[in-house]
Amino acid sequence: MAARPAIFLDRDGTLHRELESPLRGIDQIEWIPRALEALHDLARAGFELVVVTNQSAMARGELEWAELERIHEHMRSKAPIAAFYVCPHHPENGAPPYRRACQCRKPGSLLLSFAARDLGLDLGRSWIVGDARRDLQAGLALGVRALLVATGKGQRERAALSPEMLKSVGLCADLRAAADTILAQR
């Protein structure tokens, strides 16, 4: 079977509204308008949907694995998400074993590499969509095309992008606009 292209997705600020404190339960999830529709359209077009997310709340002891898994199972019940890849680490905050520098924390690209290996993904035909420079850097390091959405912290992050990085990424209002851009380029 041929390797499938993927859409790597940041979670907080890209799929759902980002909160001041860590997302702790399914009742706190407020999907970005039209995000679910966009996810279904991308999956129907043959993309594997993979969420890659930094969750330093784990390192700080503010979130347990069981809570995180409940949140992700709920999200998977609403959208055709193939897998969630999580970095629970933080280089300075929290306690061992999660307080440490790692390569899975974006902008590191290890989560994407693991997903590509585990799911048989074609990175050359894949995209990453996120609201932060670190999301884009994780994808660009592996040759994945990148789109920055203006939701979440995207507006602020766009202003901080270097001219060189602006040439390497696409800019979209939200996940729906990102999906339209991706689908138009298939």
N, C-alpha and C. Protein backbone atom coordinates (compact mmCIF):
# COMPACT_ATOMS: atom_id res chain seq x y z
N MET A 1 0.84 -1.18 0.00
CA MET A 1 0.00 0.00 0.00
C MET A 1 0.89 1.25 0.00
N ALA A 2 0.53 2.21 -0.82
CA ALA A 2 1.31 3.44 -0.92
C ALA A 2 1.15 4.28 0.34
N ALA A 3 2.21 5.00 0.69
CA ALA A 3 2.16 5.89 1.85
C ALA A 3 1.16 7.00 1.60
N ARG A 4 0.42 7.33 2.62
CA ARG A 4 -0.61 8.37 2.52
C ARG A 4 -0.06 9.71 2.97
N PRO A 5 -0.57 10.78 2.40
CA PRO A 5 -0.20 12.10 2.91
C PRO A 5 -0.95 12.37 4.21
N ALA A 6 -0.38 13.24 5.02
CA ALA A 6 -1.00 13.57 6.31
C ALA A 6 -1.20 15.07 6.43
N ILE A 7 -2.13 15.41 7.29
CA ILE A 7 -2.24 16.77 7.79
C ILE A 7 -1.88 16.67 9.27
N PHE A 8 -0.74 17.24 9.63
CA PHE A 8 -0.34 17.32 11.02
C PHE A 8 -0.98 18.58 11.58
N LEU A 9 -1.63 18.44 12.71
CA LEU A 9 -2.41 19.54 13.27
C LEU A 9 -1.96 19.84 14.70
N ASP A 10 -1.71 21.11 14.96
CA ASP A 10 -1.57 21.54 16.33
C ASP A 10 -2.97 21.45 16.95
N ARG A 11 -3.06 21.33 18.25
CA ARG A 11 -4.37 21.17 18.89
C ARG A 11 -4.92 22.50 19.40
N ASP A 12 -4.31 23.04 20.47
CA ASP A 12 -4.83 24.23 21.14
C ASP A 12 -4.63 25.46 20.27
N GLY A 13 -5.72 26.16 19.97
CA GLY A 13 -5.66 27.36 19.15
C GLY A 13 -5.82 27.09 17.67
N THR A 14 -5.73 25.84 17.27
CA THR A 14 -5.90 25.46 15.86
C THR A 14 -7.22 24.71 15.67
N LEU A 15 -7.46 23.71 16.52
CA LEU A 15 -8.70 22.94 16.45
C LEU A 15 -9.77 23.50 17.37
N HIS A 16 -9.36 23.91 18.55
CA HIS A 16 -10.31 24.47 19.51
C HIS A 16 -9.72 25.73 20.12
N ARG A 17 -10.58 26.53 20.71
CA ARG A 17 -10.13 27.77 21.33
C ARG A 17 -9.13 27.46 22.45
N GLU A 18 -8.06 28.24 22.47
CA GLU A 18 -7.04 28.06 23.49
C GLU A 18 -7.50 28.76 24.77
N LEU A 19 -7.30 28.09 25.89
CA LEU A 19 -7.71 28.62 27.18
C LEU A 19 -6.52 29.23 27.91
N GLU A 20 -6.80 30.04 28.93
CA GLU A 20 -5.74 30.63 29.75
C GLU A 20 -4.99 29.55 30.53
N SER A 21 -5.73 28.54 30.99
CA SER A 21 -5.13 27.44 31.73
C SER A 21 -5.29 26.16 30.89
N PRO A 22 -4.63 25.08 31.26
CA PRO A 22 -4.70 23.86 30.45
C PRO A 22 -6.13 23.33 30.31
N LEU A 23 -6.44 22.82 29.16
CA LEU A 23 -7.70 22.14 28.90
C LEU A 23 -7.75 20.92 29.81
N ARG A 24 -8.79 20.84 30.65
CA ARG A 24 -8.85 19.77 31.64
C ARG A 24 -10.00 18.80 31.42
N GLY A 25 -10.94 19.13 30.55
CA GLY A 25 -12.07 18.23 30.35
C GLY A 25 -12.80 18.54 29.06
N ILE A 26 -13.63 17.59 28.65
CA ILE A 26 -14.33 17.72 27.37
C ILE A 26 -15.32 18.87 27.38
N ASP A 27 -15.83 19.24 28.56
CA ASP A 27 -16.77 20.35 28.65
C ASP A 27 -16.11 21.69 28.34
N GLN A 28 -14.80 21.75 28.33
CA GLN A 28 -14.08 22.99 28.02
C GLN A 28 -13.76 23.14 26.53
N ILE A 29 -14.00 22.11 25.75
CA ILE A 29 -13.65 22.16 24.32
C ILE A 29 -14.66 23.02 23.58
N GLU A 30 -14.16 24.07 22.96
CA GLU A 30 -14.96 24.91 22.08
C GLU A 30 -14.25 24.90 20.72
N TRP A 31 -14.77 24.08 19.82
CA TRP A 31 -14.16 23.95 18.50
C TRP A 31 -14.13 25.29 17.80
N ILE A 32 -13.05 25.55 17.07
CA ILE A 32 -12.99 26.74 16.22
C ILE A 32 -14.10 26.59 15.18
N PRO A 33 -14.84 27.65 14.86
CA PRO A 33 -15.91 27.52 13.87
C PRO A 33 -15.41 26.89 12.57
N ARG A 34 -16.17 25.93 12.09
CA ARG A 34 -15.97 25.19 10.84
C ARG A 34 -14.75 24.28 10.86
N ALA A 35 -14.11 24.11 12.01
CA ALA A 35 -12.95 23.22 12.09
C ALA A 35 -13.35 21.77 11.86
N LEU A 36 -14.45 21.34 12.44
CA LEU A 36 -14.88 19.95 12.26
C LEU A 36 -15.20 19.66 10.80
N GLU A 37 -15.87 20.58 10.15
CA GLU A 37 -16.18 20.44 8.73
C GLU A 37 -14.89 20.31 7.92
N ALA A 38 -13.91 21.14 8.24
CA ALA A 38 -12.62 21.10 7.53
C ALA A 38 -11.93 19.76 7.73
N LEU A 39 -11.95 19.25 8.95
CA LEU A 39 -11.31 17.97 9.23
C LEU A 39 -11.96 16.84 8.43
N HIS A 40 -13.27 16.83 8.39
CA HIS A 40 -13.97 15.79 7.62
C HIS A 40 -13.65 15.91 6.13
N ASP A 41 -13.59 17.12 5.60
CA ASP A 41 -13.25 17.31 4.19
C ASP A 41 -11.84 16.82 3.87
N LEU A 42 -10.89 17.10 4.73
CA LEU A 42 -9.51 16.65 4.52
C LEU A 42 -9.41 15.13 4.57
N ALA A 43 -10.10 14.52 5.51
CA ALA A 43 -10.08 13.06 5.61
C ALA A 43 -10.71 12.43 4.37
N ARG A 44 -11.83 12.98 3.90
CA ARG A 44 -12.47 12.45 2.68
C ARG A 44 -11.57 12.57 1.47
N ALA A 45 -10.68 13.57 1.48
CA ALA A 45 -9.75 13.77 0.36
C ALA A 45 -8.56 12.82 0.44
N GLY A 46 -8.49 12.00 1.48
CA GLY A 46 -7.43 10.99 1.56
C GLY A 46 -6.28 11.33 2.48
N PHE A 47 -6.40 12.40 3.24
CA PHE A 47 -5.33 12.76 4.18
C PHE A 47 -5.54 12.04 5.51
N GLU A 48 -4.45 11.59 6.10
CA GLU A 48 -4.46 11.04 7.45
C GLU A 48 -4.35 12.25 8.38
N LEU A 49 -5.23 12.38 9.35
CA LEU A 49 -5.21 13.51 10.27
C LEU A 49 -4.49 13.11 11.56
N VAL A 50 -3.43 13.84 11.88
CA VAL A 50 -2.59 13.50 13.02
C VAL A 50 -2.39 14.77 13.86
N VAL A 51 -2.82 14.72 15.11
CA VAL A 51 -2.61 15.84 16.02
C VAL A 51 -1.26 15.66 16.70
N VAL A 52 -0.44 16.72 16.64
CA VAL A 52 0.86 16.74 17.32
C VAL A 52 0.82 17.92 18.28
N THR A 53 0.93 17.62 19.57
CA THR A 53 0.67 18.66 20.56
C THR A 53 1.65 18.65 21.71
N ASN A 54 2.13 19.82 22.07
CA ASN A 54 2.92 20.00 23.29
C ASN A 54 1.93 20.13 24.44
N GLN A 55 2.10 19.35 25.47
CA GLN A 55 1.24 19.42 26.65
C GLN A 55 2.09 19.51 27.90
N SER A 56 2.73 20.67 28.07
CA SER A 56 3.62 20.87 29.22
C SER A 56 2.85 20.88 30.55
N ALA A 57 1.53 20.96 30.50
CA ALA A 57 0.73 20.85 31.73
C ALA A 57 0.99 19.51 32.41
N MET A 58 1.38 18.52 31.63
CA MET A 58 1.73 17.21 32.19
C MET A 58 2.99 17.36 33.06
N ALA A 59 3.99 18.06 32.54
CA ALA A 59 5.24 18.24 33.29
C ALA A 59 4.99 19.02 34.57
N ARG A 60 4.09 19.97 34.50
CA ARG A 60 3.80 20.81 35.68
C ARG A 60 2.84 20.14 36.65
N GLY A 61 2.36 18.95 36.33
CA GLY A 61 1.44 18.24 37.22
C GLY A 61 0.02 18.77 37.18
N GLU A 62 -0.32 19.53 36.15
CA GLU A 62 -1.66 20.12 36.03
C GLU A 62 -2.61 19.26 35.22
N LEU A 63 -2.11 18.17 34.65
CA LEU A 63 -2.92 17.31 33.79
C LEU A 63 -2.37 15.89 33.88
N GLU A 64 -3.27 14.94 34.03
CA GLU A 64 -2.89 13.53 34.10
C GLU A 64 -3.16 12.86 32.76
N TRP A 65 -2.45 11.76 32.50
CA TRP A 65 -2.62 11.03 31.24
C TRP A 65 -4.07 10.62 31.03
N ALA A 66 -4.73 10.15 32.08
CA ALA A 66 -6.12 9.69 31.94
C ALA A 66 -7.03 10.83 31.47
N GLU A 67 -6.82 12.03 32.01
CA GLU A 67 -7.61 13.19 31.57
C GLU A 67 -7.33 13.51 30.10
N LEU A 68 -6.06 13.50 29.76
CA LEU A 68 -5.67 13.80 28.38
C LEU A 68 -6.27 12.78 27.41
N GLU A 69 -6.22 11.52 27.78
CA GLU A 69 -6.79 10.48 26.91
C GLU A 69 -8.29 10.64 26.75
N ARG A 70 -9.01 11.03 27.81
CA ARG A 70 -10.45 11.27 27.69
C ARG A 70 -10.74 12.42 26.73
N ILE A 71 -9.95 13.48 26.83
CA ILE A 71 -10.12 14.62 25.92
C ILE A 71 -9.90 14.18 24.48
N HIS A 72 -8.84 13.43 24.25
CA HIS A 72 -8.52 13.01 22.88
C HIS A 72 -9.54 12.01 22.34
N GLU A 73 -10.02 11.12 23.17
CA GLU A 73 -11.07 10.19 22.72
C GLU A 73 -12.34 10.95 22.35
N HIS A 74 -12.68 11.96 23.12
CA HIS A 74 -13.85 12.78 22.80
C HIS A 74 -13.64 13.50 21.46
N MET A 75 -12.47 14.07 21.27
CA MET A 75 -12.18 14.77 20.01
C MET A 75 -12.25 13.79 18.84
N ARG A 76 -11.74 12.58 19.05
CA ARG A 76 -11.77 11.57 17.99
C ARG A 76 -13.22 11.14 17.69
N SER A 77 -14.11 11.22 18.66
CA SER A 77 -15.50 10.87 18.42
C SER A 77 -16.21 11.90 17.54
N LYS A 78 -15.65 13.10 17.45
CA LYS A 78 -16.24 14.18 16.65
C LYS A 78 -15.57 14.36 15.29
N ALA A 79 -14.34 13.91 15.17
CA ALA A 79 -13.55 14.16 13.95
C ALA A 79 -12.73 12.93 13.60
N PRO A 80 -12.46 12.72 12.32
CA PRO A 80 -11.71 11.53 11.88
C PRO A 80 -10.20 11.65 12.09
N ILE A 81 -9.81 11.84 13.33
CA ILE A 81 -8.40 11.98 13.69
C ILE A 81 -7.80 10.59 13.85
N ALA A 82 -6.76 10.30 13.08
CA ALA A 82 -6.14 8.97 13.11
C ALA A 82 -5.36 8.74 14.39
N ALA A 83 -4.65 9.77 14.85
CA ALA A 83 -3.78 9.59 16.02
C ALA A 83 -3.44 10.92 16.66
N PHE A 84 -3.11 10.84 17.94
CA PHE A 84 -2.60 11.97 18.71
C PHE A 84 -1.19 11.62 19.14
N TYR A 85 -0.25 12.52 18.91
CA TYR A 85 1.12 12.38 19.38
C TYR A 85 1.38 13.55 20.32
N VAL A 86 1.79 13.23 21.55
CA VAL A 86 1.87 14.21 22.62
C VAL A 86 3.28 14.30 23.17
N CYS A 87 3.76 15.52 23.35
CA CYS A 87 4.98 15.75 24.12
C CYS A 87 4.55 16.26 25.50
N PRO A 88 4.84 15.48 26.57
CA PRO A 88 4.47 15.89 27.91
C PRO A 88 5.58 16.67 28.63
N HIS A 89 6.66 16.96 27.94
CA HIS A 89 7.86 17.50 28.58
C HIS A 89 7.89 19.02 28.61
N HIS A 90 8.71 19.53 29.49
CA HIS A 90 9.08 20.95 29.49
C HIS A 90 10.53 21.02 29.96
N PRO A 91 11.36 21.81 29.28
CA PRO A 91 12.79 21.82 29.63
C PRO A 91 13.11 22.45 30.98
N GLU A 92 12.23 23.31 31.53
CA GLU A 92 12.55 24.03 32.76
C GLU A 92 11.53 23.87 33.87
N ASN A 93 10.29 23.58 33.55
CA ASN A 93 9.24 23.53 34.55
C ASN A 93 8.81 22.10 34.83
N GLY A 94 8.31 21.88 36.04
CA GLY A 94 7.77 20.58 36.38
C GLY A 94 8.77 19.70 37.11
N ALA A 95 8.43 18.42 37.12
CA ALA A 95 9.22 17.44 37.85
C ALA A 95 9.57 16.26 36.95
N PRO A 96 10.64 15.54 37.27
CA PRO A 96 10.97 14.33 36.51
C PRO A 96 9.81 13.35 36.57
N PRO A 97 9.59 12.58 35.56
CA PRO A 97 10.45 12.41 34.38
C PRO A 97 10.13 13.39 33.25
N TYR A 98 9.18 14.29 33.47
CA TYR A 98 8.74 15.17 32.38
C TYR A 98 9.51 16.48 32.29
N ARG A 99 10.22 16.83 33.33
CA ARG A 99 11.03 18.05 33.26
C ARG A 99 12.36 17.70 32.61
N ARG A 100 12.43 17.94 31.32
CA ARG A 100 13.67 17.66 30.59
C ARG A 100 13.57 18.22 29.18
N ALA A 101 14.73 18.50 28.61
CA ALA A 101 14.79 18.89 27.21
C ALA A 101 14.58 17.63 26.38
N CYS A 102 13.90 17.77 25.26
CA CYS A 102 13.62 16.61 24.42
C CYS A 102 13.53 17.05 22.96
N GLN A 103 13.45 16.11 22.08
CA GLN A 103 13.28 16.40 20.66
C GLN A 103 11.83 16.26 20.21
N CYS A 104 10.97 15.78 21.12
CA CYS A 104 9.57 15.65 20.71
C CYS A 104 8.80 16.95 20.92
N ARG A 105 9.27 17.83 21.78
CA ARG A 105 8.60 19.10 22.00
C ARG A 105 8.81 19.99 20.78
N LYS A 106 7.70 20.41 20.16
CA LYS A 106 7.83 21.31 19.01
C LYS A 106 8.54 22.58 19.46
N PRO A 107 9.52 23.06 18.75
CA PRO A 107 9.77 22.89 17.33
C PRO A 107 10.55 21.65 16.93
N GLY A 108 10.87 20.78 17.86
CA GLY A 108 11.46 19.50 17.48
C GLY A 108 10.48 18.73 16.62
N SER A 109 10.98 17.87 15.78
CA SER A 109 10.11 17.18 14.81
C SER A 109 9.94 15.70 15.10
N LEU A 110 10.33 15.25 16.28
CA LEU A 110 10.28 13.82 16.59
C LEU A 110 8.85 13.26 16.56
N LEU A 111 7.87 14.02 17.04
CA LEU A 111 6.49 13.53 17.00
C LEU A 111 6.04 13.26 15.57
N LEU A 112 6.39 14.15 14.66
CA LEU A 112 6.03 13.96 13.25
C LEU A 112 6.75 12.75 12.68
N SER A 113 8.02 12.59 13.04
CA SER A 113 8.78 11.42 12.56
C SER A 113 8.18 10.12 13.07
N PHE A 114 7.80 10.09 14.34
CA PHE A 114 7.16 8.89 14.90
C PHE A 114 5.86 8.59 14.16
N ALA A 115 5.05 9.61 13.93
CA ALA A 115 3.78 9.41 13.23
C ALA A 115 4.01 8.89 11.82
N ALA A 116 4.98 9.46 11.13
CA ALA A 116 5.27 9.01 9.75
C ALA A 116 5.68 7.55 9.74
N ARG A 117 6.51 7.16 10.68
CA ARG A 117 6.94 5.77 10.78
C ARG A 117 5.77 4.85 11.16
N ASP A 118 5.05 5.22 12.21
CA ASP A 118 3.98 4.37 12.73
C ASP A 118 2.83 4.20 11.75
N LEU A 119 2.50 5.27 11.04
CA LEU A 119 1.31 5.28 10.19
C LEU A 119 1.63 5.14 8.70
N GLY A 120 2.91 5.05 8.35
CA GLY A 120 3.29 4.91 6.95
C GLY A 120 2.92 6.14 6.13
N LEU A 121 3.34 7.31 6.60
CA LEU A 121 2.95 8.58 5.95
C LEU A 121 4.01 9.06 4.97
N ASP A 122 3.56 9.75 3.97
CA ASP A 122 4.42 10.36 2.96
C ASP A 122 4.63 11.82 3.35
N LEU A 123 5.76 12.12 3.95
CA LEU A 123 6.02 13.48 4.42
C LEU A 123 6.09 14.48 3.27
N GLY A 124 6.56 14.05 2.12
CA GLY A 124 6.68 14.94 0.97
C GLY A 124 5.35 15.44 0.45
N ARG A 125 4.27 14.74 0.76
CA ARG A 125 2.93 15.16 0.32
C ARG A 125 2.08 15.64 1.50
N SER A 126 2.73 15.89 2.63
CA SER A 126 2.00 16.24 3.85
C SER A 126 2.11 17.72 4.17
N TRP A 127 1.26 18.14 5.10
CA TRP A 127 1.19 19.53 5.56
C TRP A 127 1.16 19.56 7.08
N ILE A 128 1.59 20.68 7.63
CA ILE A 128 1.36 20.95 9.06
C ILE A 128 0.59 22.26 9.15
N VAL A 129 -0.41 22.27 10.03
CA VAL A 129 -1.23 23.45 10.25
C VAL A 129 -1.19 23.77 11.73
N GLY A 130 -0.81 25.00 12.06
CA GLY A 130 -0.75 25.39 13.46
C GLY A 130 -0.84 26.88 13.64
N ASP A 131 -0.90 27.30 14.90
CA ASP A 131 -1.02 28.72 15.21
C ASP A 131 0.26 29.30 15.80
N ALA A 132 1.36 28.54 15.72
CA ALA A 132 2.62 29.01 16.30
C ALA A 132 3.81 28.68 15.40
N ARG A 133 4.81 29.51 15.48
CA ARG A 133 6.03 29.32 14.70
C ARG A 133 6.63 27.94 14.96
N ARG A 134 6.59 27.48 16.22
CA ARG A 134 7.18 26.19 16.54
C ARG A 134 6.47 25.05 15.82
N ASP A 135 5.17 25.17 15.58
CA ASP A 135 4.44 24.16 14.81
C ASP A 135 5.01 24.07 13.40
N LEU A 136 5.16 25.24 12.79
CA LEU A 136 5.65 25.30 11.42
C LEU A 136 7.08 24.78 11.32
N GLN A 137 7.92 25.15 12.28
CA GLN A 137 9.31 24.71 12.27
C GLN A 137 9.41 23.19 12.35
N ALA A 138 8.55 22.57 13.14
CA ALA A 138 8.58 21.11 13.26
C ALA A 138 8.32 20.45 11.91
N GLY A 139 7.39 20.98 11.16
CA GLY A 139 7.08 20.42 9.84
C GLY A 139 8.12 20.75 8.79
N LEU A 140 8.52 22.01 8.75
CA LEU A 140 9.49 22.44 7.74
C LEU A 140 10.80 21.67 7.85
N ALA A 141 11.19 21.29 9.07
CA ALA A 141 12.43 20.53 9.27
C ALA A 141 12.40 19.18 8.55
N LEU A 142 11.21 18.68 8.28
CA LEU A 142 11.06 17.37 7.61
C LEU A 142 10.57 17.51 6.17
N GLY A 143 10.53 18.73 5.65
CA GLY A 143 10.07 18.93 4.28
C GLY A 143 8.57 18.95 4.13
N VAL A 144 7.85 19.15 5.21
CA VAL A 144 6.39 19.21 5.19
C VAL A 144 5.98 20.66 4.92
N ARG A 145 5.01 20.86 4.05
CA ARG A 145 4.51 22.20 3.78
C ARG A 145 3.76 22.72 5.01
N ALA A 146 3.82 24.03 5.24
CA ALA A 146 3.31 24.59 6.48
C ALA A 146 2.34 25.74 6.25
N LEU A 147 1.28 25.74 7.07
CA LEU A 147 0.29 26.82 7.06
C LEU A 147 0.09 27.33 8.48
N LEU A 148 0.16 28.64 8.63
CA LEU A 148 -0.09 29.29 9.91
C LEU A 148 -1.52 29.81 9.90
N VAL A 149 -2.30 29.43 10.92
CA VAL A 149 -3.66 29.96 11.04
C VAL A 149 -3.66 31.14 12.00
N ALA A 150 -4.58 32.08 11.78
CA ALA A 150 -4.65 33.30 12.59
C ALA A 150 -5.43 33.09 13.88
N THR A 151 -5.98 31.91 14.09
CA THR A 151 -6.69 31.63 15.33
C THR A 151 -5.67 31.39 16.44
N GLY A 152 -6.14 31.26 17.67
CA GLY A 152 -5.21 31.04 18.78
C GLY A 152 -4.23 32.19 18.88
N LYS A 153 -2.95 31.84 18.93
CA LYS A 153 -1.91 32.88 18.99
C LYS A 153 -1.36 33.21 17.60
N GLY A 154 -2.03 32.77 16.55
CA GLY A 154 -1.55 32.94 15.19
C GLY A 154 -1.32 34.37 14.75
N GLN A 155 -2.19 35.30 15.14
CA GLN A 155 -2.01 36.72 14.76
C GLN A 155 -0.70 37.25 15.33
N ARG A 156 -0.48 36.98 16.61
CA ARG A 156 0.73 37.45 17.28
C ARG A 156 1.97 36.78 16.68
N GLU A 157 1.86 35.49 16.42
CA GLU A 157 3.00 34.74 15.87
C GLU A 157 3.36 35.22 14.46
N ARG A 158 2.34 35.54 13.67
CA ARG A 158 2.61 36.01 12.30
C ARG A 158 3.50 37.26 12.33
N ALA A 159 3.21 38.17 13.25
CA ALA A 159 3.99 39.40 13.33
C ALA A 159 5.45 39.12 13.69
N ALA A 160 5.72 37.99 14.34
CA ALA A 160 7.08 37.66 14.76
C ALA A 160 7.85 36.81 13.75
N LEU A 161 7.20 36.40 12.65
CA LEU A 161 7.89 35.55 11.68
C LEU A 161 8.92 36.36 10.90
N SER A 162 10.06 35.76 10.66
CA SER A 162 11.09 36.41 9.87
C SER A 162 10.65 36.47 8.41
N PRO A 163 11.19 37.41 7.64
CA PRO A 163 10.86 37.47 6.21
C PRO A 163 11.16 36.14 5.50
N GLU A 164 12.24 35.46 5.90
CA GLU A 164 12.59 34.18 5.29
C GLU A 164 11.50 33.13 5.58
N MET A 165 11.04 33.09 6.83
CA MET A 165 10.02 32.11 7.18
C MET A 165 8.70 32.44 6.48
N LEU A 166 8.38 33.73 6.35
CA LEU A 166 7.15 34.13 5.67
C LEU A 166 7.11 33.61 4.23
N LYS A 167 8.29 33.48 3.61
CA LYS A 167 8.36 32.95 2.25
C LYS A 167 8.10 31.45 2.22
N SER A 168 8.31 30.78 3.36
CA SER A 168 8.21 29.32 3.41
C SER A 168 6.85 28.81 3.85
N VAL A 169 5.99 29.68 4.36
CA VAL A 169 4.71 29.22 4.91
C VAL A 169 3.55 29.96 4.27
N GLY A 170 2.39 29.32 4.33
CA GLY A 170 1.16 29.97 3.91
C GLY A 170 0.44 30.53 5.12
N LEU A 171 -0.35 31.55 4.91
CA LEU A 171 -1.09 32.20 5.98
C LEU A 171 -2.57 32.05 5.71
N CYS A 172 -3.30 31.60 6.71
CA CYS A 172 -4.74 31.35 6.55
C CYS A 172 -5.49 31.89 7.76
N ALA A 173 -6.74 32.26 7.55
CA ALA A 173 -7.56 32.80 8.63
C ALA A 173 -7.84 31.76 9.71
N ASP A 174 -8.09 30.53 9.30
CA ASP A 174 -8.47 29.48 10.24
C ASP A 174 -8.29 28.13 9.58
N LEU A 175 -8.67 27.07 10.28
CA LEU A 175 -8.49 25.73 9.75
C LEU A 175 -9.32 25.50 8.48
N ARG A 176 -10.50 26.08 8.42
CA ARG A 176 -11.32 25.95 7.20
C ARG A 176 -10.59 26.52 6.00
N ALA A 177 -10.01 27.70 6.15
CA ALA A 177 -9.25 28.32 5.06
C ALA A 177 -8.01 27.50 4.73
N ALA A 178 -7.37 26.93 5.74
CA ALA A 178 -6.20 26.08 5.50
C ALA A 178 -6.60 24.84 4.71
N ALA A 179 -7.72 24.23 5.07
CA ALA A 179 -8.20 23.05 4.34
C ALA A 179 -8.49 23.42 2.88
N ASP A 180 -9.12 24.56 2.66
CA ASP A 180 -9.40 24.98 1.29
C ASP A 180 -8.12 25.17 0.49
N THR A 181 -7.10 25.74 1.13
CA THR A 181 -5.80 25.93 0.46
C THR A 181 -5.18 24.58 0.10
N ILE A 182 -5.20 23.66 1.03
CA ILE A 182 -4.63 22.33 0.81
C ILE A 182 -5.38 21.60 -0.29
N LEU A 183 -6.69 21.61 -0.23
CA LEU A 183 -7.50 20.89 -1.22
C LEU A 183 -7.36 21.49 -2.61
N ALA A 184 -7.17 22.79 -2.71
CA ALA A 184 -6.99 23.45 -4.01
C ALA A 184 -5.65 23.08 -4.64
N GLN A 185 -4.68 22.66 -3.84
CA GLN A 185 -3.35 22.35 -4.36
C GLN A 185 -3.13 20.85 -4.60
N ARG A 186 -4.16 20.05 -4.40
CA ARG A 186 -4.02 18.60 -4.64
C ARG A 186 -3.93 18.30 -6.09
